[in-house]
Amino acid sequence: MITGPNVDIAVDNPYCWNEIETNAFDLVISGQTFEHAEFFWVTMSEMTRVLKKNGLLCLIVPNGFNEHRFPVDCYRFFSDGMIALARYVNLKPLHAHTNCASGIKDYDWYSEKNADTMLIAEKPYEGETKFVDIQQYKCTPENLIELRKGMTPYKNKLQLFIGFGLKVLRKISKS
């Protein structure tokens, strides 16, 4: 929303990106922005519009964290919310997770209160954003295990630790 370190483009209006052509990018990455956008679904529409066909969108949004106004702090997100947002603009969700880690060695990825949600989605069409047909829409939950692709959610952390501890004990008892 403003210029700064690691910001490639800061548009004048987060809801109308006149500076950027339609189908301009193969990849759009947004991290820790949507909680500060009052109308994040409009920003999502603009991100989708500027993607090329088969382009990828990567969103990282907070699931936790304390309020941190910059200039406002409006939302927190879960995997289903990110999937719904992808569906809203007819993107194909490829990956979605909330507060996950790839394995026991990555335990510091987890957090009790400072977790993130991630979405990776593909734009399967060209041109302007195509919105979901609300008249025909039926809510069908996605398979989150499939969309996490092997990542382990925080709620399963204890199971990972117990399993890892048992492996270590077995290894010690064999030596």
N, C-alpha and C. Protein backbone atom coordinates (compact mmCIF):
# COMPACT_ATOMS: atom_id res chain seq x y z
N MET A 1 0.81 -1.19 0.00
CA MET A 1 0.00 0.00 0.00
C MET A 1 0.86 1.26 0.00
N ILE A 2 2.13 1.12 0.47
CA ILE A 2 3.06 2.25 0.42
C ILE A 2 4.43 1.73 0.03
N THR A 3 5.29 2.61 -0.47
CA THR A 3 6.64 2.21 -0.84
C THR A 3 7.43 1.87 0.41
N GLY A 4 8.43 1.02 0.23
CA GLY A 4 9.29 0.62 1.33
C GLY A 4 10.16 -0.54 0.91
N PRO A 5 10.95 -1.07 1.84
CA PRO A 5 11.82 -2.20 1.52
C PRO A 5 11.02 -3.39 0.99
N ASN A 6 11.52 -4.02 -0.05
CA ASN A 6 10.92 -5.22 -0.66
C ASN A 6 9.56 -4.98 -1.30
N VAL A 7 9.20 -3.72 -1.55
CA VAL A 7 7.95 -3.40 -2.24
C VAL A 7 8.31 -3.06 -3.68
N ASP A 8 7.87 -3.92 -4.61
CA ASP A 8 8.18 -3.70 -6.03
C ASP A 8 7.30 -2.63 -6.65
N ILE A 9 6.02 -2.65 -6.31
CA ILE A 9 5.07 -1.69 -6.86
C ILE A 9 4.13 -1.25 -5.75
N ALA A 10 3.98 0.04 -5.59
CA ALA A 10 2.97 0.59 -4.68
C ALA A 10 2.01 1.42 -5.53
N VAL A 11 0.81 0.94 -5.68
CA VAL A 11 -0.18 1.64 -6.50
C VAL A 11 -0.77 2.81 -5.73
N ASP A 12 -1.30 3.78 -6.46
CA ASP A 12 -1.90 4.95 -5.81
C ASP A 12 -3.16 4.61 -5.05
N ASN A 13 -3.94 3.64 -5.59
CA ASN A 13 -5.21 3.27 -4.98
C ASN A 13 -5.26 1.75 -4.87
N PRO A 14 -5.34 1.19 -3.67
CA PRO A 14 -5.31 -0.27 -3.54
C PRO A 14 -6.52 -0.97 -4.16
N TYR A 15 -7.51 -0.21 -4.58
CA TYR A 15 -8.72 -0.79 -5.14
C TYR A 15 -8.90 -0.51 -6.63
N CYS A 16 -7.98 0.21 -7.22
CA CYS A 16 -8.06 0.52 -8.66
C CYS A 16 -6.64 0.74 -9.17
N TRP A 17 -6.08 -0.27 -9.80
CA TRP A 17 -4.68 -0.26 -10.21
C TRP A 17 -4.53 0.24 -11.64
N ASN A 18 -4.80 1.49 -11.87
CA ASN A 18 -4.70 2.07 -13.20
C ASN A 18 -3.28 2.01 -13.76
N GLU A 19 -2.28 1.95 -12.90
CA GLU A 19 -0.88 1.94 -13.32
C GLU A 19 -0.46 0.61 -13.96
N ILE A 20 -1.26 -0.44 -13.78
CA ILE A 20 -0.84 -1.78 -14.21
C ILE A 20 -1.82 -2.33 -15.25
N GLU A 21 -1.28 -2.80 -16.36
CA GLU A 21 -2.10 -3.36 -17.43
C GLU A 21 -2.68 -4.72 -17.03
N THR A 22 -3.79 -5.08 -17.64
CA THR A 22 -4.38 -6.41 -17.51
C THR A 22 -3.40 -7.42 -18.11
N ASN A 23 -3.32 -8.62 -17.53
CA ASN A 23 -2.44 -9.70 -17.99
C ASN A 23 -0.96 -9.31 -17.99
N ALA A 24 -0.51 -8.59 -16.99
CA ALA A 24 0.85 -8.07 -16.96
C ALA A 24 1.87 -9.01 -16.31
N PHE A 25 1.45 -9.90 -15.40
CA PHE A 25 2.41 -10.65 -14.61
C PHE A 25 2.14 -12.16 -14.61
N ASP A 26 3.23 -12.92 -14.53
CA ASP A 26 3.15 -14.37 -14.35
C ASP A 26 2.93 -14.73 -12.89
N LEU A 27 3.35 -13.86 -12.00
CA LEU A 27 3.31 -14.13 -10.56
C LEU A 27 3.00 -12.85 -9.80
N VAL A 28 2.05 -12.93 -8.89
CA VAL A 28 1.75 -11.83 -7.97
C VAL A 28 1.86 -12.39 -6.56
N ILE A 29 2.67 -11.73 -5.73
CA ILE A 29 2.86 -12.15 -4.34
C ILE A 29 2.42 -11.00 -3.44
N SER A 30 1.62 -11.32 -2.45
CA SER A 30 1.19 -10.33 -1.48
C SER A 30 1.35 -10.93 -0.09
N GLY A 31 2.10 -10.27 0.74
CA GLY A 31 2.30 -10.74 2.11
C GLY A 31 1.92 -9.69 3.13
N GLN A 32 1.06 -10.09 4.05
CA GLN A 32 0.69 -9.25 5.19
C GLN A 32 0.10 -7.91 4.75
N THR A 33 -0.79 -7.97 3.76
CA THR A 33 -1.46 -6.76 3.27
C THR A 33 -2.95 -6.78 3.52
N PHE A 34 -3.59 -7.92 3.31
CA PHE A 34 -5.05 -7.96 3.30
C PHE A 34 -5.69 -7.55 4.62
N GLU A 35 -5.01 -7.75 5.73
CA GLU A 35 -5.61 -7.33 7.00
C GLU A 35 -5.70 -5.81 7.08
N HIS A 36 -4.90 -5.12 6.25
CA HIS A 36 -4.88 -3.65 6.25
C HIS A 36 -5.74 -3.05 5.14
N ALA A 37 -6.31 -3.87 4.29
CA ALA A 37 -7.16 -3.39 3.19
C ALA A 37 -8.62 -3.51 3.63
N GLU A 38 -9.31 -2.41 3.72
CA GLU A 38 -10.71 -2.45 4.16
C GLU A 38 -11.56 -3.30 3.23
N PHE A 39 -11.28 -3.26 1.93
CA PHE A 39 -12.05 -4.00 0.94
C PHE A 39 -11.12 -4.98 0.22
N PHE A 40 -10.57 -5.94 0.95
CA PHE A 40 -9.56 -6.85 0.40
C PHE A 40 -10.05 -7.62 -0.82
N TRP A 41 -11.35 -7.88 -0.92
CA TRP A 41 -11.89 -8.61 -2.07
C TRP A 41 -11.74 -7.79 -3.35
N VAL A 42 -11.75 -6.46 -3.23
CA VAL A 42 -11.53 -5.62 -4.41
C VAL A 42 -10.06 -5.68 -4.81
N THR A 43 -9.17 -5.64 -3.83
CA THR A 43 -7.74 -5.79 -4.10
C THR A 43 -7.47 -7.15 -4.73
N MET A 44 -8.15 -8.19 -4.25
CA MET A 44 -8.02 -9.52 -4.85
C MET A 44 -8.43 -9.51 -6.32
N SER A 45 -9.46 -8.78 -6.64
CA SER A 45 -9.91 -8.66 -8.02
C SER A 45 -8.83 -8.01 -8.89
N GLU A 46 -8.20 -6.97 -8.38
CA GLU A 46 -7.14 -6.30 -9.14
C GLU A 46 -5.92 -7.21 -9.30
N MET A 47 -5.56 -7.95 -8.26
CA MET A 47 -4.44 -8.89 -8.36
C MET A 47 -4.73 -9.93 -9.44
N THR A 48 -5.95 -10.40 -9.49
CA THR A 48 -6.35 -11.39 -10.48
C THR A 48 -6.31 -10.78 -11.89
N ARG A 49 -6.81 -9.58 -12.03
CA ARG A 49 -6.83 -8.92 -13.34
C ARG A 49 -5.44 -8.79 -13.94
N VAL A 50 -4.44 -8.46 -13.12
CA VAL A 50 -3.10 -8.21 -13.65
C VAL A 50 -2.32 -9.50 -13.91
N LEU A 51 -2.85 -10.63 -13.46
CA LEU A 51 -2.20 -11.92 -13.74
C LEU A 51 -2.45 -12.34 -15.18
N LYS A 52 -1.43 -12.95 -15.78
CA LYS A 52 -1.59 -13.58 -17.09
C LYS A 52 -2.33 -14.89 -16.94
N LYS A 53 -2.84 -15.43 -18.03
CA LYS A 53 -3.44 -16.77 -18.00
C LYS A 53 -2.39 -17.75 -17.50
N ASN A 54 -2.79 -18.64 -16.61
CA ASN A 54 -1.92 -19.62 -15.94
C ASN A 54 -0.94 -18.98 -14.96
N GLY A 55 -1.11 -17.68 -14.70
CA GLY A 55 -0.28 -17.01 -13.72
C GLY A 55 -0.64 -17.47 -12.31
N LEU A 56 0.30 -17.28 -11.40
CA LEU A 56 0.12 -17.72 -10.02
C LEU A 56 0.00 -16.53 -9.08
N LEU A 57 -0.87 -16.69 -8.11
CA LEU A 57 -1.05 -15.72 -7.04
C LEU A 57 -0.65 -16.39 -5.74
N CYS A 58 0.19 -15.74 -4.96
CA CYS A 58 0.58 -16.23 -3.64
C CYS A 58 0.19 -15.17 -2.62
N LEU A 59 -0.70 -15.55 -1.70
CA LEU A 59 -1.14 -14.66 -0.63
C LEU A 59 -0.71 -15.22 0.71
N ILE A 60 -0.14 -14.37 1.53
CA ILE A 60 0.16 -14.72 2.91
C ILE A 60 -0.56 -13.69 3.77
N VAL A 61 -1.44 -14.17 4.61
CA VAL A 61 -2.29 -13.29 5.41
C VAL A 61 -2.27 -13.77 6.86
N PRO A 62 -2.55 -12.89 7.81
CA PRO A 62 -2.51 -13.31 9.21
C PRO A 62 -3.74 -14.13 9.60
N ASN A 63 -3.47 -15.13 10.40
CA ASN A 63 -4.53 -15.89 11.05
C ASN A 63 -4.62 -15.43 12.51
N GLY A 64 -3.52 -15.00 13.05
CA GLY A 64 -3.45 -14.54 14.43
C GLY A 64 -2.88 -13.14 14.48
N PHE A 65 -2.06 -12.87 15.45
CA PHE A 65 -1.40 -11.60 15.68
C PHE A 65 -2.32 -10.62 16.41
N ASN A 66 -1.70 -9.76 17.19
CA ASN A 66 -2.44 -8.70 17.85
C ASN A 66 -2.77 -7.61 16.85
N GLU A 67 -3.70 -6.76 17.21
CA GLU A 67 -4.06 -5.64 16.35
C GLU A 67 -2.82 -4.78 16.10
N HIS A 68 -2.61 -4.43 14.84
CA HIS A 68 -1.48 -3.59 14.46
C HIS A 68 -1.91 -2.68 13.30
N ARG A 69 -2.49 -1.57 13.64
CA ARG A 69 -3.07 -0.66 12.65
C ARG A 69 -1.98 -0.04 11.79
N PHE A 70 -2.14 -0.16 10.45
CA PHE A 70 -1.18 0.44 9.51
C PHE A 70 -1.86 0.63 8.17
N PRO A 71 -2.70 1.52 7.87
CA PRO A 71 -3.26 2.49 8.83
C PRO A 71 -4.43 1.91 9.63
N VAL A 72 -5.03 0.79 9.15
CA VAL A 72 -6.11 0.12 9.87
C VAL A 72 -5.77 -1.37 9.95
N ASP A 73 -6.46 -2.09 10.80
CA ASP A 73 -6.28 -3.54 10.92
C ASP A 73 -7.67 -4.16 11.02
N CYS A 74 -8.12 -4.80 9.94
CA CYS A 74 -9.52 -5.17 9.80
C CYS A 74 -9.84 -6.66 9.90
N TYR A 75 -8.94 -7.56 9.50
CA TYR A 75 -9.33 -8.96 9.29
C TYR A 75 -8.25 -9.95 9.72
N ARG A 76 -8.71 -11.20 9.95
CA ARG A 76 -7.86 -12.37 10.10
C ARG A 76 -8.46 -13.46 9.22
N PHE A 77 -7.65 -14.43 8.78
CA PHE A 77 -8.08 -15.36 7.75
C PHE A 77 -7.78 -16.83 8.09
N PHE A 78 -8.59 -17.73 7.54
CA PHE A 78 -8.39 -19.17 7.61
C PHE A 78 -8.27 -19.72 6.19
N SER A 79 -7.88 -20.97 6.06
CA SER A 79 -7.74 -21.60 4.75
C SER A 79 -9.03 -21.52 3.94
N ASP A 80 -10.16 -21.85 4.57
CA ASP A 80 -11.43 -21.80 3.84
C ASP A 80 -11.74 -20.39 3.32
N GLY A 81 -11.36 -19.38 4.06
CA GLY A 81 -11.57 -18.01 3.62
C GLY A 81 -10.74 -17.68 2.39
N MET A 82 -9.51 -18.16 2.36
CA MET A 82 -8.65 -17.94 1.19
C MET A 82 -9.17 -18.69 -0.03
N ILE A 83 -9.66 -19.90 0.20
CA ILE A 83 -10.24 -20.69 -0.90
C ILE A 83 -11.49 -19.98 -1.43
N ALA A 84 -12.32 -19.48 -0.54
CA ALA A 84 -13.52 -18.75 -0.95
C ALA A 84 -13.14 -17.51 -1.76
N LEU A 85 -12.10 -16.83 -1.36
CA LEU A 85 -11.66 -15.65 -2.09
C LEU A 85 -11.16 -16.02 -3.48
N ALA A 86 -10.44 -17.13 -3.59
CA ALA A 86 -10.00 -17.61 -4.91
C ALA A 86 -11.21 -17.95 -5.78
N ARG A 87 -12.18 -18.61 -5.19
CA ARG A 87 -13.40 -18.94 -5.95
C ARG A 87 -14.14 -17.69 -6.41
N TYR A 88 -14.14 -16.67 -5.58
CA TYR A 88 -14.84 -15.42 -5.90
C TYR A 88 -14.36 -14.82 -7.23
N VAL A 89 -13.05 -14.97 -7.50
CA VAL A 89 -12.48 -14.41 -8.73
C VAL A 89 -12.10 -15.52 -9.72
N ASN A 90 -12.67 -16.70 -9.54
CA ASN A 90 -12.47 -17.84 -10.44
C ASN A 90 -11.01 -18.24 -10.61
N LEU A 91 -10.27 -18.24 -9.51
CA LEU A 91 -8.92 -18.80 -9.51
C LEU A 91 -9.00 -20.24 -9.03
N LYS A 92 -8.06 -21.04 -9.47
CA LYS A 92 -7.99 -22.44 -9.06
C LYS A 92 -7.04 -22.57 -7.87
N PRO A 93 -7.55 -22.90 -6.68
CA PRO A 93 -6.65 -23.08 -5.52
C PRO A 93 -5.73 -24.29 -5.74
N LEU A 94 -4.43 -24.07 -5.57
CA LEU A 94 -3.44 -25.14 -5.69
C LEU A 94 -2.91 -25.55 -4.32
N HIS A 95 -2.88 -24.61 -3.39
CA HIS A 95 -2.35 -24.88 -2.05
C HIS A 95 -3.01 -23.89 -1.08
N ALA A 96 -3.36 -24.40 0.09
CA ALA A 96 -3.88 -23.53 1.15
C ALA A 96 -3.56 -24.17 2.49
N HIS A 97 -3.05 -23.36 3.41
CA HIS A 97 -2.84 -23.87 4.77
C HIS A 97 -2.87 -22.73 5.78
N THR A 98 -3.17 -23.11 7.01
CA THR A 98 -3.15 -22.18 8.13
C THR A 98 -2.28 -22.79 9.23
N ASN A 99 -1.26 -22.03 9.65
CA ASN A 99 -0.42 -22.42 10.78
C ASN A 99 0.09 -23.85 10.63
N CYS A 100 0.78 -24.11 9.53
CA CYS A 100 1.31 -25.44 9.24
C CYS A 100 2.83 -25.41 9.16
N ALA A 101 3.42 -26.59 9.28
CA ALA A 101 4.86 -26.76 9.08
C ALA A 101 5.08 -28.00 8.24
N SER A 102 6.23 -28.07 7.63
CA SER A 102 6.51 -29.20 6.75
C SER A 102 6.94 -30.45 7.51
N GLY A 103 7.32 -30.31 8.77
CA GLY A 103 7.71 -31.48 9.54
C GLY A 103 8.19 -31.10 10.93
N ILE A 104 8.56 -32.09 11.70
CA ILE A 104 8.93 -31.91 13.10
C ILE A 104 10.13 -30.97 13.26
N LYS A 105 11.05 -30.98 12.31
CA LYS A 105 12.22 -30.12 12.42
C LYS A 105 11.87 -28.65 12.22
N ASP A 106 10.68 -28.39 11.72
CA ASP A 106 10.25 -27.02 11.48
C ASP A 106 9.25 -26.54 12.53
N TYR A 107 9.39 -27.04 13.77
CA TYR A 107 8.43 -26.72 14.82
C TYR A 107 8.33 -25.23 15.08
N ASP A 108 9.39 -24.47 14.79
CA ASP A 108 9.32 -23.03 15.04
C ASP A 108 8.44 -22.29 14.03
N TRP A 109 7.93 -22.99 13.03
CA TRP A 109 6.95 -22.38 12.11
C TRP A 109 5.61 -22.18 12.82
N TYR A 110 5.33 -23.02 13.81
CA TYR A 110 4.04 -22.96 14.49
C TYR A 110 3.98 -21.78 15.45
N SER A 111 2.77 -21.34 15.73
CA SER A 111 2.60 -20.28 16.69
C SER A 111 1.24 -20.38 17.37
N GLU A 112 1.21 -20.11 18.65
CA GLU A 112 -0.05 -20.08 19.39
C GLU A 112 -0.92 -18.91 18.96
N LYS A 113 -0.29 -17.75 18.70
CA LYS A 113 -1.10 -16.56 18.40
C LYS A 113 -0.62 -15.74 17.21
N ASN A 114 0.50 -16.07 16.59
CA ASN A 114 1.04 -15.29 15.48
C ASN A 114 1.13 -16.11 14.20
N ALA A 115 0.07 -16.81 13.88
CA ALA A 115 0.07 -17.71 12.73
C ALA A 115 -0.38 -16.99 11.45
N ASP A 116 0.03 -17.58 10.33
CA ASP A 116 -0.36 -17.09 9.01
C ASP A 116 -1.18 -18.13 8.27
N THR A 117 -1.89 -17.65 7.26
CA THR A 117 -2.58 -18.50 6.30
C THR A 117 -2.00 -18.19 4.94
N MET A 118 -1.84 -19.24 4.13
CA MET A 118 -1.25 -19.06 2.80
C MET A 118 -2.16 -19.66 1.74
N LEU A 119 -2.22 -18.98 0.61
CA LEU A 119 -2.95 -19.46 -0.57
C LEU A 119 -2.04 -19.33 -1.78
N ILE A 120 -1.99 -20.38 -2.58
CA ILE A 120 -1.40 -20.31 -3.91
C ILE A 120 -2.50 -20.74 -4.87
N ALA A 121 -2.76 -19.89 -5.86
CA ALA A 121 -3.85 -20.16 -6.80
C ALA A 121 -3.41 -19.78 -8.21
N GLU A 122 -4.07 -20.40 -9.18
CA GLU A 122 -3.75 -20.18 -10.59
C GLU A 122 -4.92 -19.53 -11.31
N LYS A 123 -4.60 -18.62 -12.22
CA LYS A 123 -5.63 -17.98 -13.04
C LYS A 123 -5.78 -18.79 -14.33
N PRO A 124 -6.88 -19.51 -14.49
CA PRO A 124 -7.03 -20.40 -15.66
C PRO A 124 -7.62 -19.71 -16.89
N TYR A 125 -7.71 -18.39 -16.87
CA TYR A 125 -8.31 -17.67 -17.98
C TYR A 125 -7.51 -16.40 -18.25
N GLU A 126 -7.81 -15.76 -19.36
CA GLU A 126 -7.13 -14.54 -19.75
C GLU A 126 -8.06 -13.34 -19.57
N GLY A 127 -7.47 -12.19 -19.34
CA GLY A 127 -8.25 -10.96 -19.36
C GLY A 127 -8.72 -10.49 -18.00
N GLU A 128 -9.78 -9.68 -18.06
CA GLU A 128 -10.37 -9.10 -16.85
C GLU A 128 -10.80 -10.19 -15.87
N THR A 129 -10.93 -9.81 -14.62
CA THR A 129 -11.35 -10.74 -13.57
C THR A 129 -12.76 -11.26 -13.87
N LYS A 130 -12.91 -12.57 -13.75
CA LYS A 130 -14.22 -13.20 -13.90
C LYS A 130 -14.71 -13.59 -12.52
N PHE A 131 -15.86 -13.08 -12.15
CA PHE A 131 -16.40 -13.33 -10.82
C PHE A 131 -17.30 -14.56 -10.82
N VAL A 132 -17.39 -15.19 -9.67
CA VAL A 132 -18.22 -16.37 -9.50
C VAL A 132 -19.68 -16.01 -9.80
N ASP A 133 -20.40 -16.95 -10.37
CA ASP A 133 -21.83 -16.77 -10.63
C ASP A 133 -22.57 -17.11 -9.33
N ILE A 134 -22.89 -16.09 -8.57
CA ILE A 134 -23.52 -16.28 -7.27
C ILE A 134 -24.88 -16.98 -7.40
N GLN A 135 -25.59 -16.75 -8.49
CA GLN A 135 -26.90 -17.38 -8.70
C GLN A 135 -26.78 -18.90 -8.78
N GLN A 136 -25.67 -19.41 -9.31
CA GLN A 136 -25.47 -20.84 -9.50
C GLN A 136 -24.56 -21.48 -8.45
N TYR A 137 -23.95 -20.67 -7.60
CA TYR A 137 -22.92 -21.15 -6.68
C TYR A 137 -23.48 -22.08 -5.61
N LYS A 138 -22.74 -23.17 -5.37
CA LYS A 138 -23.03 -24.09 -4.26
C LYS A 138 -21.74 -24.26 -3.46
N CYS A 139 -21.82 -24.06 -2.17
CA CYS A 139 -20.64 -24.22 -1.31
C CYS A 139 -20.27 -25.70 -1.21
N THR A 140 -19.09 -26.03 -1.66
CA THR A 140 -18.56 -27.38 -1.55
C THR A 140 -17.18 -27.28 -0.91
N PRO A 141 -17.03 -27.73 0.32
CA PRO A 141 -15.73 -27.61 0.99
C PRO A 141 -14.62 -28.35 0.23
N GLU A 142 -13.48 -27.71 0.14
CA GLU A 142 -12.30 -28.33 -0.47
C GLU A 142 -11.69 -29.33 0.51
N ASN A 143 -10.93 -30.25 0.00
CA ASN A 143 -10.18 -31.20 0.81
C ASN A 143 -8.91 -30.50 1.29
N LEU A 144 -8.94 -30.00 2.53
CA LEU A 144 -7.79 -29.24 3.04
C LEU A 144 -6.54 -30.09 3.19
N ILE A 145 -6.70 -31.37 3.45
CA ILE A 145 -5.53 -32.24 3.55
C ILE A 145 -4.81 -32.28 2.20
N GLU A 146 -5.58 -32.39 1.13
CA GLU A 146 -5.00 -32.39 -0.22
C GLU A 146 -4.36 -31.04 -0.53
N LEU A 147 -5.04 -29.95 -0.19
CA LEU A 147 -4.50 -28.62 -0.50
C LEU A 147 -3.28 -28.27 0.36
N ARG A 148 -3.14 -28.89 1.53
CA ARG A 148 -1.95 -28.67 2.37
C ARG A 148 -0.74 -29.42 1.82
N LYS A 149 -0.99 -30.43 1.02
CA LYS A 149 0.07 -31.22 0.38
C LYS A 149 1.18 -31.64 1.34
N GLY A 150 0.79 -32.36 2.39
CA GLY A 150 1.78 -32.94 3.29
C GLY A 150 2.20 -32.06 4.46
N MET A 151 1.75 -30.84 4.51
CA MET A 151 2.11 -30.00 5.64
C MET A 151 1.23 -30.37 6.84
N THR A 152 1.76 -30.19 8.02
CA THR A 152 1.06 -30.60 9.23
C THR A 152 0.56 -29.37 9.98
N PRO A 153 -0.74 -29.33 10.27
CA PRO A 153 -1.29 -28.17 11.00
C PRO A 153 -0.86 -28.15 12.46
N TYR A 154 -0.89 -26.98 13.03
CA TYR A 154 -0.51 -26.77 14.43
C TYR A 154 -1.25 -27.69 15.37
N LYS A 155 -2.53 -27.91 15.14
CA LYS A 155 -3.32 -28.73 16.06
C LYS A 155 -2.79 -30.16 16.14
N ASN A 156 -2.00 -30.59 15.14
CA ASN A 156 -1.41 -31.92 15.15
C ASN A 156 0.04 -31.91 15.65
N LYS A 157 0.51 -30.76 16.13
CA LYS A 157 1.90 -30.62 16.56
C LYS A 157 2.26 -31.62 17.64
N LEU A 158 1.41 -31.80 18.63
CA LEU A 158 1.70 -32.73 19.73
C LEU A 158 1.89 -34.14 19.20
N GLN A 159 1.06 -34.56 18.25
CA GLN A 159 1.21 -35.89 17.65
C GLN A 159 2.57 -36.02 16.98
N LEU A 160 3.02 -34.96 16.30
CA LEU A 160 4.34 -34.98 15.66
C LEU A 160 5.44 -35.14 16.70
N PHE A 161 5.34 -34.36 17.79
CA PHE A 161 6.37 -34.42 18.83
C PHE A 161 6.42 -35.80 19.47
N ILE A 162 5.26 -36.39 19.75
CA ILE A 162 5.22 -37.73 20.35
C ILE A 162 5.84 -38.74 19.38
N GLY A 163 5.44 -38.68 18.12
CA GLY A 163 6.00 -39.59 17.11
C GLY A 163 7.50 -39.44 16.97
N PHE A 164 7.97 -38.20 16.95
CA PHE A 164 9.41 -37.94 16.84
C PHE A 164 10.13 -38.48 18.07
N GLY A 165 9.55 -38.25 19.27
CA GLY A 165 10.15 -38.74 20.51
C GLY A 165 10.23 -40.25 20.54
N LEU A 166 9.21 -40.94 20.05
CA LEU A 166 9.23 -42.40 19.99
C LEU A 166 10.32 -42.91 19.06
N LYS A 167 10.51 -42.23 17.93
CA LYS A 167 11.59 -42.62 17.00
C LYS A 167 12.95 -42.47 17.66
N VAL A 168 13.14 -41.37 18.40
CA VAL A 168 14.42 -41.15 19.08
C VAL A 168 14.63 -42.21 20.15
N LEU A 169 13.59 -42.54 20.94
CA LEU A 169 13.72 -43.56 21.98
C LEU A 169 14.05 -44.92 21.38
N ARG A 170 13.40 -45.27 20.27
CA ARG A 170 13.71 -46.55 19.61
C ARG A 170 15.14 -46.60 19.13
N LYS A 171 15.61 -45.49 18.58
CA LYS A 171 16.98 -45.42 18.08
C LYS A 171 17.97 -45.59 19.25
N ILE A 172 17.69 -44.92 20.37
CA ILE A 172 18.57 -45.01 21.54
C ILE A 172 18.56 -46.43 22.09
N SER A 173 17.40 -47.05 22.18
CA SER A 173 17.29 -48.39 22.77
C SER A 173 17.98 -49.44 21.88
N LYS A 174 18.11 -49.20 20.58
CA LYS A 174 18.79 -50.13 19.68
C LYS A 174 20.30 -50.02 19.77
N SER A 175 20.78 -48.86 20.26
CA SER A 175 22.24 -48.67 20.30
C SER A 175 22.84 -49.08 21.61
